[in-house]
Protein backbone atom coordinates (compact mmCIF):
# COMPACT_ATOMS: atom_id res chain seq x y z
CA MET A 1 -8.52 38.31 -63.79
CA GLU A 2 -11.89 38.63 -62.03
CA PRO A 3 -12.04 38.28 -58.26
CA GLY A 4 -14.48 35.54 -58.55
CA ARG A 5 -12.21 33.52 -60.63
CA ALA A 6 -9.20 34.07 -58.44
CA LEU A 7 -11.16 32.97 -55.42
CA LEU A 8 -12.31 29.84 -57.40
CA LEU A 9 -8.62 29.04 -58.38
CA ILE A 10 -7.69 29.51 -54.70
CA LEU A 11 -10.31 27.09 -53.43
CA ILE A 12 -9.29 24.43 -56.20
CA PHE A 13 -5.56 24.87 -55.07
CA ILE A 14 -6.73 24.29 -51.29
CA ALA A 15 -8.92 21.29 -52.34
CA ALA A 16 -5.90 19.63 -54.31
CA ALA A 17 -3.51 20.25 -51.66
CA SER A 18 -5.72 18.87 -48.92
CA LEU A 19 -6.73 15.86 -50.85
CA PRO A 20 -3.82 13.72 -49.67
CA VAL A 21 -4.78 14.82 -46.03
CA LEU A 22 -8.41 13.71 -46.56
CA ILE A 23 -7.10 10.26 -47.99
CA ALA A 24 -4.93 9.76 -44.96
CA LEU A 25 -7.76 10.61 -42.63
CA ALA A 26 -9.92 8.12 -44.51
CA PHE A 27 -7.39 5.29 -44.07
CA CYS A 28 -6.35 6.15 -40.52
CA ALA A 29 -9.79 7.09 -39.22
CA ASP A 30 -10.09 3.91 -37.10
CA GLU A 31 -6.75 4.40 -35.45
CA ILE A 32 -7.60 8.04 -34.67
CA ILE A 33 -10.94 7.21 -33.39
CA ASP A 34 -9.18 4.38 -31.25
CA ARG A 35 -6.57 6.88 -29.73
CA VAL A 36 -9.32 9.38 -28.99
CA ALA A 37 -11.48 6.76 -27.32
CA CYS A 38 -8.48 5.44 -25.23
CA ALA A 39 -7.61 9.06 -24.22
CA TYR A 40 -11.11 9.64 -23.03
CA ALA A 41 -11.19 6.27 -21.04
CA GLU A 42 -8.02 7.07 -19.38
CA TRP A 43 -9.31 10.56 -18.55
CA ARG A 44 -12.43 9.12 -17.08
CA GLU A 45 -10.43 6.52 -15.04
CA ARG A 46 -8.22 9.12 -13.67
CA ARG A 47 -11.21 11.25 -12.75
CA GLN A 48 -13.09 8.62 -11.15
CA GLU A 49 -10.04 7.54 -9.14
CA ARG A 50 -9.59 11.26 -7.86
CA ARG A 51 -13.35 11.24 -6.95
CA THR A 52 -13.06 8.01 -5.08
CA ILE A 53 -9.99 9.13 -3.02
CA ALA A 54 -11.67 12.34 -2.27
CA ARG A 55 -14.78 10.42 -1.02
CA LEU A 56 -12.64 8.11 1.01
CA ASP A 57 -10.89 11.16 2.55
CA ARG A 58 -14.21 12.66 3.54
CA ALA A 59 -15.41 9.30 4.92
CA VAL A 60 -12.27 8.37 6.93
CA GLU A 61 -11.46 11.86 7.91
CA ALA A 62 -7.88 11.29 7.57
CA ASP A 63 -6.81 14.55 9.23
CA ALA A 64 -8.94 13.85 12.32
CA LEU A 65 -7.12 10.40 12.75
CA THR A 66 -3.81 11.97 12.64
CA ARG A 67 -4.45 15.19 14.43
CA ASP A 68 -3.65 13.79 17.93
CA ILE A 69 -0.44 11.85 16.90
CA ASP A 70 2.73 13.52 17.87
CA LEU A 71 5.02 12.82 14.88
CA THR A 72 8.15 13.78 16.63
CA ASP A 73 8.03 10.54 18.54
CA PHE A 74 8.86 8.70 15.24
CA ASP A 75 11.99 10.86 14.61
CA ARG A 76 13.59 9.92 18.04
CA PRO A 77 17.11 8.65 17.58
CA ASP A 78 16.66 5.84 20.16
CA ARG A 79 13.48 4.58 18.35
CA ARG A 80 14.09 1.45 16.29
CA PRO A 81 12.68 1.34 12.82
CA LEU A 82 9.65 -0.67 12.42
CA GLU A 83 11.26 -2.65 9.62
CA ALA A 84 14.06 -3.73 12.11
CA LEU A 85 11.63 -4.67 14.74
CA ALA A 86 9.63 -6.91 12.10
CA ALA A 87 12.97 -8.52 11.08
CA ASP A 88 13.69 -9.10 14.84
CA LEU A 89 10.27 -10.60 15.36
CA ARG A 90 10.56 -13.06 12.36
CA ARG A 91 13.95 -14.18 13.38
CA LEU A 92 12.87 -14.67 17.13
CA ARG A 93 9.54 -16.35 16.11
CA GLY A 94 11.64 -18.75 14.00
CA GLN A 95 14.13 -19.56 16.61
CA GLY A 96 11.48 -19.84 19.43
CA VAL A 97 9.09 -22.13 17.68
CA ALA A 98 11.76 -24.55 16.62
CA SER A 99 13.09 -25.58 20.01
CA ASP A 100 14.75 -28.60 18.69
CA GLY A 101 16.11 -30.06 21.87
CA ARG A 102 17.40 -26.75 23.21
CA GLN A 103 17.43 -26.05 26.89
CA PRO A 104 14.26 -24.48 28.39
CA VAL A 105 16.37 -21.52 29.64
CA TRP A 106 17.28 -20.81 26.02
CA HIS A 107 13.61 -21.16 24.86
CA GLY A 108 12.42 -18.83 27.55
CA THR A 109 15.07 -16.15 26.65
CA ILE A 110 14.02 -16.20 23.10
CA LEU A 111 10.34 -15.82 24.10
CA ARG A 112 11.13 -12.97 26.40
CA ALA A 113 13.11 -11.17 23.71
CA TYR A 114 10.27 -11.88 21.32
CA ASP A 115 7.68 -10.49 23.79
CA ASP A 116 9.95 -7.39 24.17
CA ARG A 117 10.01 -6.88 20.32
CA LEU A 118 6.24 -7.30 20.35
CA ARG A 119 5.79 -4.59 23.03
CA LEU A 120 8.20 -2.16 20.98
CA ALA A 121 6.21 -2.85 17.92
CA CYS A 122 2.99 -2.08 19.64
CA ARG A 123 4.41 0.94 21.10
CA ALA A 124 5.61 2.14 17.66
CA LEU A 125 2.07 1.48 16.18
CA GLY A 126 0.12 2.79 19.19
CA LEU A 127 -1.53 -0.60 20.00
CA THR A 128 -2.36 -1.76 23.45
CA GLU A 129 -0.73 -4.76 24.92
CA HIS A 130 -0.51 -6.57 28.31
CA LEU A 131 2.59 -8.82 27.97
CA THR A 132 4.39 -7.71 31.02
CA GLU A 133 1.32 -8.17 33.15
CA LEU A 134 0.59 -11.93 32.36
CA GLU A 135 2.05 -15.30 32.82
CA GLY A 136 1.40 -18.90 31.54
CA VAL A 137 -1.37 -19.60 29.11
CA ASP A 138 -2.66 -15.91 29.47
CA LEU A 139 0.60 -14.74 28.28
CA GLU A 140 0.43 -16.97 25.30
CA LEU A 141 -3.06 -15.96 24.64
CA GLU A 142 -2.04 -12.28 24.72
CA ARG A 143 0.91 -13.09 22.53
CA VAL A 144 -1.38 -14.38 19.91
CA ARG A 145 -3.92 -11.41 20.26
CA VAL A 146 -0.91 -8.98 19.84
CA GLU A 147 0.26 -10.89 16.82
CA GLY A 148 -3.20 -10.49 15.30
CA LEU A 149 -3.11 -6.74 16.07
CA LEU A 150 0.21 -6.42 14.41
CA HIS A 151 -1.01 -8.46 11.50
CA ALA A 152 -4.04 -6.29 11.14
CA ALA A 153 -1.75 -3.24 11.18
CA GLY A 154 0.22 -4.66 8.35
CA LEU A 155 3.06 -6.36 10.05
CA THR A 156 3.00 -9.94 8.85
CA LEU A 157 4.69 -12.47 11.17
CA PRO A 158 5.40 -16.18 10.27
CA ALA A 159 3.07 -18.85 11.51
CA ALA A 160 3.67 -20.60 14.82
CA ARG A 161 4.10 -23.93 12.96
CA ALA A 162 5.97 -24.64 9.86
CA GLY A 163 3.70 -24.83 6.66
CA HIS A 164 0.94 -22.68 8.35
CA ARG A 165 0.16 -19.26 7.35
CA GLN A 166 -0.90 -16.59 9.90
CA ARG A 167 -4.63 -16.09 9.68
CA HIS A 168 -5.38 -13.12 11.87
CA ARG A 169 -8.20 -10.84 10.56
């Protein structure tokens, strides 16, 4: 057999063997194109997220913000977890607001305990408060200011009156 003829037979055999593949590609082309387009869109989205995070890191300078914080303060055994402080604040706020005929001494005790938890939460988050230095209306205003600071830091407390949401911004 001639070498040209053998090569032609091999090419015919390869064409006949690949014919089902070509037919399958023709029928599934839209799905293949869709998968490739989706994979490309996901890759672009992940890339854009990484670039946005990198840009935010540069803008915020996250390392500079945390450089001066002593993280060993957070691991002290005598330090109450922030979640426990938040639960105490919610519970005490609910009891202190609803003073349904309770004695003034009871109401005052609850408010002092609430102020104490506010101070602990501020200390845990590094916020400045002046709850021990004030009395009367000034103390109530400081309490509202501190609640706003805690809310801005991500610690949501219940509203002073039932049916109202806290709106510190």
